[in-house]
Amino acid sequence: MEAERDVLTLFPIADDPEVGRWLAALEEGRRDTLKELVRVTPEAVDWRPAGGDNTIGTILYHIALVEADWLLADILGPDDAPAWPHDLLPFGDRDSEGRLAQVAGVPLAEHLERLAAVRRLLLDHMRPMDAEAYHALRHRDSWDVSADWVVHHLLQHEAEHRAQIAWLRDTAGGAASI
């Protein structure tokens, strides 16, 4: 009997196969992030290393906020975007000194719900998009940007923060203060 094989491919999850493969890549990246969060203890969510700026909770909030902002402000734009989801994202991105706004006292489950809600919003708006719209430049105040570049950026952004999350999780696990 032959063993079951893993299938490593990006099955399209949108109306247009090209757009669908990019969205599948976003979902694959999110699964990787969620795997890194499995061993995060409640105490580790708000743990901050000596001299460190960010916690796992702050980074998770930031990932959700950045994804929502790129979708609403840049992919959809001011004329077509729904209202900002203040119930999900009530805080700004940065403090007065340019550091990530600190989000503390929020359980991991709430961060995960936020990430899932923002991703549903993104998928709901991008699944019907055709390749022409996906590659079209959108002219914004500070730059011209396409949805394909935004998705590429979101993949990279989350991957970079995933590494930070893993480091914080592993470092917090050995910290005497926990």
N, C-alpha and C. Protein backbone atom coordinates (compact mmCIF):
# COMPACT_ATOMS: atom_id res chain seq x y z
N MET A 1 0.85 -1.18 0.00
CA MET A 1 0.00 0.00 0.00
C MET A 1 0.89 1.24 0.00
N GLU A 2 0.59 2.17 -0.88
CA GLU A 2 1.38 3.39 -0.99
C GLU A 2 0.96 4.40 0.08
N ALA A 3 1.95 5.02 0.69
CA ALA A 3 1.68 6.03 1.72
C ALA A 3 1.06 7.27 1.09
N GLU A 4 0.20 7.92 1.86
CA GLU A 4 -0.40 9.16 1.38
C GLU A 4 0.67 10.23 1.25
N ARG A 5 0.63 10.95 0.14
CA ARG A 5 1.65 11.95 -0.13
C ARG A 5 1.10 13.35 0.14
N ASP A 6 1.97 14.21 0.63
CA ASP A 6 1.61 15.62 0.75
C ASP A 6 1.58 16.23 -0.64
N VAL A 7 0.65 17.10 -0.86
CA VAL A 7 0.57 17.83 -2.13
C VAL A 7 0.93 19.27 -1.82
N LEU A 8 2.05 19.70 -2.35
CA LEU A 8 2.55 21.05 -2.09
C LEU A 8 2.32 21.90 -3.33
N THR A 9 1.19 22.55 -3.36
CA THR A 9 0.84 23.43 -4.46
C THR A 9 -0.13 24.48 -3.93
N LEU A 10 -0.35 25.49 -4.73
CA LEU A 10 -1.29 26.54 -4.35
C LEU A 10 -2.54 26.40 -5.20
N PHE A 11 -3.56 25.75 -4.65
CA PHE A 11 -4.82 25.62 -5.35
C PHE A 11 -5.54 26.96 -5.30
N PRO A 12 -6.02 27.45 -6.45
CA PRO A 12 -6.69 28.76 -6.46
C PRO A 12 -7.92 28.78 -5.55
N ILE A 13 -8.06 29.89 -4.83
CA ILE A 13 -9.21 30.05 -3.94
C ILE A 13 -10.00 31.32 -4.29
N ALA A 14 -9.95 31.70 -5.58
CA ALA A 14 -10.69 32.89 -6.03
C ALA A 14 -11.26 32.61 -7.41
N ASP A 15 -12.08 33.52 -7.89
CA ASP A 15 -12.69 33.36 -9.21
C ASP A 15 -11.63 33.29 -10.31
N ASP A 16 -10.63 34.14 -10.25
CA ASP A 16 -9.53 34.13 -11.23
C ASP A 16 -8.41 33.25 -10.68
N PRO A 17 -7.93 32.27 -11.45
CA PRO A 17 -6.90 31.35 -10.93
C PRO A 17 -5.62 32.04 -10.47
N GLU A 18 -5.17 33.06 -11.18
CA GLU A 18 -3.94 33.74 -10.76
C GLU A 18 -4.15 34.44 -9.42
N VAL A 19 -5.21 35.20 -9.32
CA VAL A 19 -5.52 35.86 -8.05
C VAL A 19 -5.69 34.81 -6.96
N GLY A 20 -6.36 33.73 -7.30
CA GLY A 20 -6.61 32.67 -6.33
C GLY A 20 -5.35 32.01 -5.80
N ARG A 21 -4.34 31.89 -6.64
CA ARG A 21 -3.08 31.31 -6.17
C ARG A 21 -2.37 32.25 -5.20
N TRP A 22 -2.41 33.54 -5.47
CA TRP A 22 -1.79 34.51 -4.55
C TRP A 22 -2.53 34.52 -3.22
N LEU A 23 -3.85 34.45 -3.28
CA LEU A 23 -4.62 34.41 -2.03
C LEU A 23 -4.36 33.11 -1.28
N ALA A 24 -4.17 32.01 -2.02
CA ALA A 24 -3.80 30.75 -1.38
C ALA A 24 -2.45 30.87 -0.69
N ALA A 25 -1.53 31.62 -1.29
CA ALA A 25 -0.23 31.85 -0.65
C ALA A 25 -0.39 32.63 0.65
N LEU A 26 -1.27 33.63 0.64
CA LEU A 26 -1.55 34.36 1.88
C LEU A 26 -2.09 33.42 2.96
N GLU A 27 -2.99 32.54 2.58
CA GLU A 27 -3.56 31.60 3.54
C GLU A 27 -2.51 30.61 4.04
N GLU A 28 -1.62 30.17 3.17
CA GLU A 28 -0.54 29.28 3.59
C GLU A 28 0.37 29.98 4.60
N GLY A 29 0.69 31.24 4.33
CA GLY A 29 1.50 32.01 5.27
C GLY A 29 0.81 32.17 6.62
N ARG A 30 -0.50 32.37 6.59
CA ARG A 30 -1.25 32.50 7.85
C ARG A 30 -1.23 31.18 8.62
N ARG A 31 -1.37 30.07 7.90
CA ARG A 31 -1.29 28.77 8.60
C ARG A 31 0.06 28.62 9.29
N ASP A 32 1.12 29.09 8.63
CA ASP A 32 2.45 29.03 9.25
C ASP A 32 2.51 29.89 10.51
N THR A 33 1.90 31.07 10.45
CA THR A 33 1.87 31.95 11.62
C THR A 33 1.10 31.28 12.76
N LEU A 34 -0.04 30.70 12.44
CA LEU A 34 -0.85 30.04 13.47
C LEU A 34 -0.10 28.87 14.10
N LYS A 35 0.70 28.16 13.31
CA LYS A 35 1.51 27.07 13.87
C LYS A 35 2.50 27.60 14.90
N GLU A 36 3.08 28.77 14.63
CA GLU A 36 4.04 29.36 15.57
C GLU A 36 3.36 29.79 16.86
N LEU A 37 2.06 30.03 16.81
CA LEU A 37 1.34 30.50 17.99
C LEU A 37 0.82 29.38 18.88
N VAL A 38 0.90 28.15 18.42
CA VAL A 38 0.35 27.03 19.19
C VAL A 38 0.97 26.94 20.57
N ARG A 39 2.26 27.15 20.68
CA ARG A 39 2.94 26.99 21.97
C ARG A 39 3.04 28.29 22.77
N VAL A 40 2.36 29.33 22.34
CA VAL A 40 2.39 30.60 23.07
C VAL A 40 1.51 30.49 24.31
N THR A 41 2.09 30.74 25.45
CA THR A 41 1.33 30.71 26.70
C THR A 41 0.61 32.05 26.89
N PRO A 42 -0.42 32.08 27.72
CA PRO A 42 -1.09 33.36 27.98
C PRO A 42 -0.11 34.43 28.49
N GLU A 43 0.84 34.03 29.31
CA GLU A 43 1.81 34.99 29.85
C GLU A 43 2.74 35.53 28.76
N ALA A 44 3.02 34.71 27.77
CA ALA A 44 3.96 35.11 26.72
C ALA A 44 3.37 36.15 25.77
N VAL A 45 2.04 36.25 25.70
CA VAL A 45 1.41 37.20 24.77
C VAL A 45 1.86 38.63 25.05
N ASP A 46 1.97 39.00 26.32
CA ASP A 46 2.35 40.37 26.70
C ASP A 46 3.78 40.47 27.23
N TRP A 47 4.55 39.39 27.15
CA TRP A 47 5.93 39.42 27.64
C TRP A 47 6.81 40.25 26.71
N ARG A 48 7.63 41.07 27.34
CA ARG A 48 8.55 41.94 26.58
C ARG A 48 9.96 41.71 27.10
N PRO A 49 10.90 41.44 26.19
CA PRO A 49 12.28 41.25 26.64
C PRO A 49 12.89 42.57 27.10
N ALA A 50 13.88 42.48 27.95
CA ALA A 50 14.58 43.69 28.41
C ALA A 50 15.09 44.45 27.18
N GLY A 51 14.75 45.71 27.12
CA GLY A 51 15.17 46.55 26.00
C GLY A 51 14.37 46.36 24.73
N GLY A 52 13.38 45.46 24.76
CA GLY A 52 12.57 45.21 23.57
C GLY A 52 11.37 46.13 23.50
N ASP A 53 10.94 46.42 22.29
CA ASP A 53 9.80 47.31 22.09
C ASP A 53 8.47 46.57 22.01
N ASN A 54 8.47 45.37 21.44
CA ASN A 54 7.21 44.75 21.07
C ASN A 54 6.96 43.43 21.78
N THR A 55 5.68 43.13 21.92
CA THR A 55 5.23 41.86 22.47
C THR A 55 4.57 41.07 21.35
N ILE A 56 4.29 39.82 21.60
CA ILE A 56 3.57 39.02 20.61
C ILE A 56 2.21 39.65 20.34
N GLY A 57 1.51 40.09 21.38
CA GLY A 57 0.21 40.71 21.19
C GLY A 57 0.28 41.96 20.33
N THR A 58 1.28 42.79 20.57
CA THR A 58 1.46 44.01 19.77
C THR A 58 1.71 43.65 18.31
N ILE A 59 2.54 42.66 18.07
CA ILE A 59 2.85 42.26 16.70
C ILE A 59 1.62 41.69 16.00
N LEU A 60 0.84 40.88 16.69
CA LEU A 60 -0.37 40.32 16.08
C LEU A 60 -1.36 41.42 15.72
N TYR A 61 -1.52 42.40 16.60
CA TYR A 61 -2.39 43.53 16.30
C TYR A 61 -1.87 44.27 15.06
N HIS A 62 -0.57 44.49 15.02
CA HIS A 62 0.06 45.20 13.91
C HIS A 62 -0.14 44.46 12.59
N ILE A 63 0.00 43.14 12.59
CA ILE A 63 -0.20 42.36 11.36
C ILE A 63 -1.63 42.57 10.85
N ALA A 64 -2.61 42.50 11.73
CA ALA A 64 -4.01 42.69 11.33
C ALA A 64 -4.25 44.10 10.83
N LEU A 65 -3.73 45.08 11.54
CA LEU A 65 -3.94 46.48 11.16
C LEU A 65 -3.32 46.77 9.79
N VAL A 66 -2.12 46.30 9.55
CA VAL A 66 -1.45 46.56 8.27
C VAL A 66 -2.22 45.90 7.13
N GLU A 67 -2.70 44.69 7.34
CA GLU A 67 -3.47 44.01 6.30
C GLU A 67 -4.75 44.78 5.99
N ALA A 68 -5.45 45.22 7.01
CA ALA A 68 -6.68 45.98 6.81
C ALA A 68 -6.40 47.31 6.11
N ASP A 69 -5.33 47.98 6.52
CA ASP A 69 -5.01 49.28 5.93
C ASP A 69 -4.66 49.17 4.45
N TRP A 70 -3.82 48.20 4.10
CA TRP A 70 -3.48 48.04 2.68
C TRP A 70 -4.71 47.69 1.86
N LEU A 71 -5.59 46.85 2.40
CA LEU A 71 -6.81 46.50 1.68
C LEU A 71 -7.71 47.72 1.50
N LEU A 72 -8.02 48.38 2.60
CA LEU A 72 -9.02 49.45 2.55
C LEU A 72 -8.49 50.72 1.90
N ALA A 73 -7.29 51.13 2.26
CA ALA A 73 -6.76 52.40 1.75
C ALA A 73 -6.17 52.27 0.35
N ASP A 74 -5.55 51.14 0.06
CA ASP A 74 -4.80 51.05 -1.19
C ASP A 74 -5.43 50.15 -2.23
N ILE A 75 -5.87 48.97 -1.88
CA ILE A 75 -6.49 48.11 -2.89
C ILE A 75 -7.87 48.65 -3.25
N LEU A 76 -8.71 48.88 -2.25
CA LEU A 76 -10.07 49.36 -2.52
C LEU A 76 -10.12 50.87 -2.69
N GLY A 77 -9.38 51.59 -1.89
CA GLY A 77 -9.33 53.04 -2.01
C GLY A 77 -10.47 53.75 -1.33
N PRO A 78 -10.33 55.06 -1.19
CA PRO A 78 -11.29 55.84 -0.41
C PRO A 78 -12.71 55.82 -0.98
N ASP A 79 -12.86 55.62 -2.27
CA ASP A 79 -14.20 55.65 -2.86
C ASP A 79 -14.94 54.32 -2.76
N ASP A 80 -14.20 53.21 -2.66
CA ASP A 80 -14.84 51.89 -2.71
C ASP A 80 -14.73 51.08 -1.42
N ALA A 81 -13.91 51.52 -0.50
CA ALA A 81 -13.69 50.73 0.72
C ALA A 81 -14.85 50.88 1.70
N PRO A 82 -15.17 49.82 2.42
CA PRO A 82 -16.13 49.97 3.52
C PRO A 82 -15.49 50.81 4.63
N ALA A 83 -16.29 51.16 5.60
CA ALA A 83 -15.78 51.94 6.73
C ALA A 83 -14.71 51.16 7.48
N TRP A 84 -13.80 51.91 8.09
CA TRP A 84 -12.74 51.29 8.89
C TRP A 84 -13.37 50.46 10.02
N PRO A 85 -12.92 49.23 10.24
CA PRO A 85 -13.50 48.38 11.29
C PRO A 85 -12.98 48.74 12.68
N HIS A 86 -13.47 49.85 13.22
CA HIS A 86 -13.01 50.33 14.53
C HIS A 86 -13.23 49.32 15.65
N ASP A 87 -14.25 48.49 15.51
CA ASP A 87 -14.49 47.47 16.54
C ASP A 87 -13.35 46.46 16.59
N LEU A 88 -12.75 46.17 15.44
CA LEU A 88 -11.62 45.23 15.38
C LEU A 88 -10.28 45.91 15.62
N LEU A 89 -10.16 47.12 15.13
CA LEU A 89 -8.87 47.83 15.14
C LEU A 89 -9.04 49.23 15.71
N PRO A 90 -9.23 49.33 17.02
CA PRO A 90 -9.49 50.64 17.62
C PRO A 90 -8.26 51.51 17.83
N PHE A 91 -7.07 50.92 17.74
CA PHE A 91 -5.84 51.67 18.02
C PHE A 91 -5.12 52.00 16.72
N GLY A 92 -4.36 53.09 16.75
CA GLY A 92 -3.52 53.44 15.61
C GLY A 92 -2.34 52.49 15.50
N ASP A 93 -1.50 52.73 14.52
CA ASP A 93 -0.36 51.85 14.25
C ASP A 93 0.87 52.19 15.09
N ARG A 94 1.11 53.48 15.30
CA ARG A 94 2.35 53.90 15.95
C ARG A 94 2.07 54.90 17.07
N ASP A 95 3.01 54.95 18.02
CA ASP A 95 2.90 55.95 19.08
C ASP A 95 3.60 57.23 18.62
N SER A 96 3.67 58.22 19.49
CA SER A 96 4.24 59.52 19.12
C SER A 96 5.73 59.45 18.81
N GLU A 97 6.39 58.36 19.22
CA GLU A 97 7.82 58.20 18.95
C GLU A 97 8.08 57.28 17.76
N GLY A 98 7.02 56.88 17.05
CA GLY A 98 7.18 56.06 15.87
C GLY A 98 7.25 54.57 16.12
N ARG A 99 7.11 54.15 17.37
CA ARG A 99 7.13 52.72 17.68
C ARG A 99 5.71 52.15 17.53
N LEU A 100 5.64 50.84 17.34
CA LEU A 100 4.33 50.21 17.25
C LEU A 100 3.52 50.53 18.50
N ALA A 101 2.25 50.86 18.30
CA ALA A 101 1.36 51.09 19.43
C ALA A 101 1.27 49.80 20.23
N GLN A 102 1.45 49.91 21.53
CA GLN A 102 1.45 48.73 22.39
C GLN A 102 0.02 48.29 22.68
N VAL A 103 -0.22 47.01 22.48
CA VAL A 103 -1.52 46.42 22.74
C VAL A 103 -1.31 45.36 23.81
N ALA A 104 -1.80 45.63 25.01
CA ALA A 104 -1.57 44.73 26.14
C ALA A 104 -2.89 44.31 26.77
N GLY A 105 -2.86 43.19 27.46
CA GLY A 105 -4.03 42.72 28.18
C GLY A 105 -5.09 42.08 27.31
N VAL A 106 -4.73 41.75 26.08
CA VAL A 106 -5.68 41.13 25.16
C VAL A 106 -5.31 39.65 25.03
N PRO A 107 -6.24 38.74 25.29
CA PRO A 107 -5.91 37.32 25.19
C PRO A 107 -5.57 36.90 23.76
N LEU A 108 -4.78 35.86 23.64
CA LEU A 108 -4.38 35.36 22.33
C LEU A 108 -5.60 35.05 21.47
N ALA A 109 -6.64 34.48 22.05
CA ALA A 109 -7.85 34.14 21.29
C ALA A 109 -8.44 35.37 20.61
N GLU A 110 -8.42 36.50 21.28
CA GLU A 110 -8.96 37.73 20.69
C GLU A 110 -8.08 38.21 19.53
N HIS A 111 -6.78 38.09 19.68
CA HIS A 111 -5.88 38.44 18.56
C HIS A 111 -6.15 37.53 17.36
N LEU A 112 -6.36 36.25 17.62
CA LEU A 112 -6.62 35.31 16.53
C LEU A 112 -7.95 35.61 15.84
N GLU A 113 -8.96 35.98 16.62
CA GLU A 113 -10.25 36.37 16.04
C GLU A 113 -10.09 37.60 15.16
N ARG A 114 -9.29 38.56 15.61
CA ARG A 114 -9.04 39.78 14.83
C ARG A 114 -8.36 39.44 13.51
N LEU A 115 -7.31 38.63 13.57
CA LEU A 115 -6.61 38.22 12.35
C LEU A 115 -7.57 37.53 11.38
N ALA A 116 -8.41 36.65 11.90
CA ALA A 116 -9.36 35.92 11.05
C ALA A 116 -10.39 36.87 10.44
N ALA A 117 -10.89 37.81 11.20
CA ALA A 117 -11.89 38.75 10.69
C ALA A 117 -11.32 39.64 9.60
N VAL A 118 -10.11 40.12 9.80
CA VAL A 118 -9.48 40.96 8.78
C VAL A 118 -9.21 40.14 7.52
N ARG A 119 -8.77 38.89 7.69
CA ARG A 119 -8.51 38.05 6.52
C ARG A 119 -9.80 37.76 5.77
N ARG A 120 -10.91 37.52 6.48
CA ARG A 120 -12.20 37.32 5.80
C ARG A 120 -12.56 38.55 4.98
N LEU A 121 -12.34 39.73 5.55
CA LEU A 121 -12.62 40.97 4.83
C LEU A 121 -11.79 41.04 3.55
N LEU A 122 -10.51 40.74 3.65
CA LEU A 122 -9.63 40.77 2.48
C LEU A 122 -10.09 39.75 1.44
N LEU A 123 -10.33 38.53 1.85
CA LEU A 123 -10.74 37.50 0.90
C LEU A 123 -12.09 37.82 0.26
N ASP A 124 -13.02 38.33 1.04
CA ASP A 124 -14.34 38.68 0.49
C ASP A 124 -14.22 39.72 -0.62
N HIS A 125 -13.29 40.66 -0.48
CA HIS A 125 -13.13 41.70 -1.48
C HIS A 125 -12.23 41.29 -2.64
N MET A 126 -11.31 40.36 -2.40
CA MET A 126 -10.36 40.02 -3.45
C MET A 126 -10.74 38.77 -4.24
N ARG A 127 -11.53 37.88 -3.70
CA ARG A 127 -11.89 36.66 -4.43
C ARG A 127 -12.60 36.95 -5.76
N PRO A 128 -13.47 37.92 -5.84
CA PRO A 128 -14.13 38.18 -7.13
C PRO A 128 -13.26 38.96 -8.13
N MET A 129 -12.11 39.44 -7.71
CA MET A 129 -11.25 40.29 -8.55
C MET A 129 -10.67 39.50 -9.71
N ASP A 130 -10.69 40.09 -10.91
CA ASP A 130 -10.05 39.43 -12.04
C ASP A 130 -8.59 39.88 -12.15
N ALA A 131 -7.83 39.22 -13.01
CA ALA A 131 -6.39 39.48 -13.12
C ALA A 131 -6.11 40.93 -13.54
N GLU A 132 -6.94 41.47 -14.41
CA GLU A 132 -6.72 42.84 -14.85
C GLU A 132 -6.82 43.82 -13.68
N ALA A 133 -7.85 43.66 -12.87
CA ALA A 133 -8.01 44.53 -11.70
C ALA A 133 -6.90 44.27 -10.68
N TYR A 134 -6.47 43.03 -10.57
CA TYR A 134 -5.42 42.65 -9.62
C TYR A 134 -4.10 43.33 -9.95
N HIS A 135 -3.82 43.46 -11.24
CA HIS A 135 -2.55 44.07 -11.67
C HIS A 135 -2.65 45.57 -11.93
N ALA A 136 -3.85 46.11 -11.95
CA ALA A 136 -4.04 47.53 -12.27
C ALA A 136 -3.42 48.42 -11.19
N LEU A 137 -2.80 49.50 -11.65
CA LEU A 137 -2.26 50.48 -10.71
C LEU A 137 -3.39 51.33 -10.15
N ARG A 138 -3.32 51.54 -8.86
CA ARG A 138 -4.25 52.43 -8.18
C ARG A 138 -3.46 53.67 -7.79
N HIS A 139 -3.98 54.81 -8.15
CA HIS A 139 -3.27 56.07 -7.88
C HIS A 139 -3.73 56.62 -6.54
N ARG A 140 -2.82 56.65 -5.60
CA ARG A 140 -3.11 57.15 -4.26
C ARG A 140 -2.31 58.42 -4.02
N ASP A 141 -2.53 59.07 -2.91
CA ASP A 141 -1.86 60.34 -2.63
C ASP A 141 -0.35 60.25 -2.69
N SER A 142 0.22 59.22 -2.11
CA SER A 142 1.68 59.14 -1.98
C SER A 142 2.34 58.21 -2.98
N TRP A 143 1.59 57.32 -3.62
CA TRP A 143 2.19 56.35 -4.53
C TRP A 143 1.13 55.75 -5.43
N ASP A 144 1.61 55.03 -6.42
CA ASP A 144 0.77 54.20 -7.26
C ASP A 144 1.06 52.76 -6.86
N VAL A 145 0.03 51.97 -6.69
CA VAL A 145 0.21 50.62 -6.17
C VAL A 145 -0.80 49.67 -6.80
N SER A 146 -0.40 48.43 -6.98
CA SER A 146 -1.30 47.41 -7.50
C SER A 146 -1.61 46.40 -6.39
N ALA A 147 -2.73 45.72 -6.54
CA ALA A 147 -3.12 44.70 -5.56
C ALA A 147 -2.09 43.57 -5.51
N ASP A 148 -1.48 43.24 -6.66
CA ASP A 148 -0.49 42.16 -6.64
C ASP A 148 0.71 42.53 -5.78
N TRP A 149 1.14 43.79 -5.83
CA TRP A 149 2.26 44.21 -4.98
C TRP A 149 1.85 44.17 -3.51
N VAL A 150 0.63 44.60 -3.22
CA VAL A 150 0.16 44.60 -1.83
C VAL A 150 0.17 43.18 -1.27
N VAL A 151 -0.32 42.22 -2.03
CA VAL A 151 -0.34 40.83 -1.55
C VAL A 151 1.08 40.34 -1.33
N HIS A 152 1.98 40.64 -2.26
CA HIS A 152 3.39 40.29 -2.08
C HIS A 152 3.92 40.90 -0.78
N HIS A 153 3.64 42.17 -0.56
CA HIS A 153 4.10 42.86 0.64
C HIS A 153 3.52 42.22 1.90
N LEU A 154 2.24 41.90 1.88
CA LEU A 154 1.62 41.29 3.06
C LEU A 154 2.24 39.93 3.38
N LEU A 155 2.56 39.16 2.34
CA LEU A 155 3.24 37.87 2.56
C LEU A 155 4.57 38.08 3.26
N GLN A 156 5.35 39.02 2.75
CA GLN A 156 6.67 39.28 3.32
C GLN A 156 6.54 39.86 4.73
N HIS A 157 5.63 40.79 4.91
CA HIS A 157 5.43 41.45 6.20
C HIS A 157 5.10 40.43 7.29
N GLU A 158 4.14 39.56 7.00
CA GLU A 158 3.75 38.58 8.01
C GLU A 158 4.88 37.59 8.28
N ALA A 159 5.61 37.19 7.24
CA ALA A 159 6.72 36.25 7.43
C ALA A 159 7.79 36.85 8.34
N GLU A 160 8.11 38.12 8.13
CA GLU A 160 9.12 38.77 8.98
C GLU A 160 8.65 38.82 10.44
N HIS A 161 7.40 39.17 10.64
CA HIS A 161 6.88 39.23 12.01
C HIS A 161 6.69 37.84 12.60
N ARG A 162 6.43 36.84 11.75
CA ARG A 162 6.33 35.46 12.25
C ARG A 162 7.64 35.05 12.92
N ALA A 163 8.75 35.43 12.32
CA ALA A 163 10.05 35.12 12.91
C ALA A 163 10.21 35.82 14.26
N GLN A 164 9.76 37.07 14.36
CA GLN A 164 9.81 37.78 15.64
C GLN A 164 8.95 37.09 16.69
N ILE A 165 7.77 36.66 16.29
CA ILE A 165 6.86 35.98 17.21
C ILE A 165 7.51 34.71 17.74
N ALA A 166 8.12 33.93 16.85
CA ALA A 166 8.76 32.68 17.28
C ALA A 166 9.90 32.96 18.25
N TRP A 167 10.67 34.00 17.97
CA TRP A 167 11.77 34.35 18.87
C TRP A 167 11.23 34.78 20.24
N LEU A 168 10.22 35.64 20.23
CA LEU A 168 9.63 36.08 21.50
C LEU A 168 9.05 34.89 22.27
N ARG A 169 8.35 34.03 21.59
CA ARG A 169 7.77 32.84 22.24
C ARG A 169 8.86 31.99 22.88
N ASP A 170 9.90 31.71 22.11
CA ASP A 170 10.96 30.84 22.63
C ASP A 170 11.76 31.52 23.73
N THR A 171 11.98 32.82 23.61
CA THR A 171 12.72 33.55 24.63
C THR A 171 11.88 33.69 25.90
N ALA A 172 10.61 33.98 25.74
CA ALA A 172 9.72 34.10 26.90
C ALA A 172 9.62 32.78 27.65
N GLY A 173 9.66 31.68 26.93
CA GLY A 173 9.56 30.37 27.56
C GLY A 173 10.70 30.10 28.52
N GLY A 174 11.86 30.71 28.26
CA GLY A 174 13.00 30.51 29.13
C GLY A 174 13.25 31.66 30.08
N ALA A 175 12.37 32.65 30.05
CA ALA A 175 12.57 33.84 30.88
C ALA A 175 12.15 33.56 32.32
N ALA A 176 12.94 34.06 33.25
CA ALA A 176 12.65 33.84 34.68
C ALA A 176 11.39 34.57 35.11
N SER A 177 11.02 35.63 34.40
CA SER A 177 9.87 36.44 34.81
C SER A 177 8.53 35.78 34.49
N ILE A 178 8.56 34.69 33.77
CA ILE A 178 7.30 34.01 33.43
C ILE A 178 7.14 32.78 34.28
